[in-house]
Amino acid sequence: MSRPLLFLDVDGPLNPYAAQPERRPEGYTTIRASVRPGRPLRVWLNPSHGPALLALDYDLCWATTWMDAANRWIAPVVGLPELPWVDFGEGLFAVRPDGVHWKTEAIVAYAGGRAFAWVDDEQSPADEVYVAGRHPGSALLYHVDPRIGLRERDFTALAGFAAAVQT
């Protein structure tokens, strides 16, 4: 049996962008990323997140607006190797009339029926319904508070899901 996929968003889970703007969370470092033309983005990252994610029994995959840029800007700071990434293509930021997040359809397609957990700060009940109706494998849509990012309890919950789907 293959390991489940772990789809990772950057902003929210790894970069607690909604934390108080003048107070970097303890244990985080600041980078300035020039992903697009214009002013560089301030990004807070915790170097302990990479080893903690690698210790989980998942195959990791970026599911973020950063797409392949996450391998250049985020992975080295948090201690992750280069990871595959979901290419959202024309669906990037597309508003759906059914309220399903613009990432959801692409994530389900990428998973191809394989069990997965999706760590993000923007899922809704509409996404749960979409995944339940279109994905035959086990799935966990795991919400992370963008004010605090990933914490120990989140890693524990993700480890529990991976163990449950592999038994």
Foldseek 3Di string as FASTA:
>chain_A
DAFAEEEEECQQAFFLPPAPPVDQDPQWDWDFDCQDPDGTDIGTGHLCVAVLVVPARHQYEYQYPCQQVCQVPPCVSNPHHRHHYQDLPPLVVDDDPLRADSSLVSVLVVSVQGEYEYEEADGDVSSVVVCVVRHNHHYHDHHGGSNPHDDPVNSVVSNVVRVVRVD
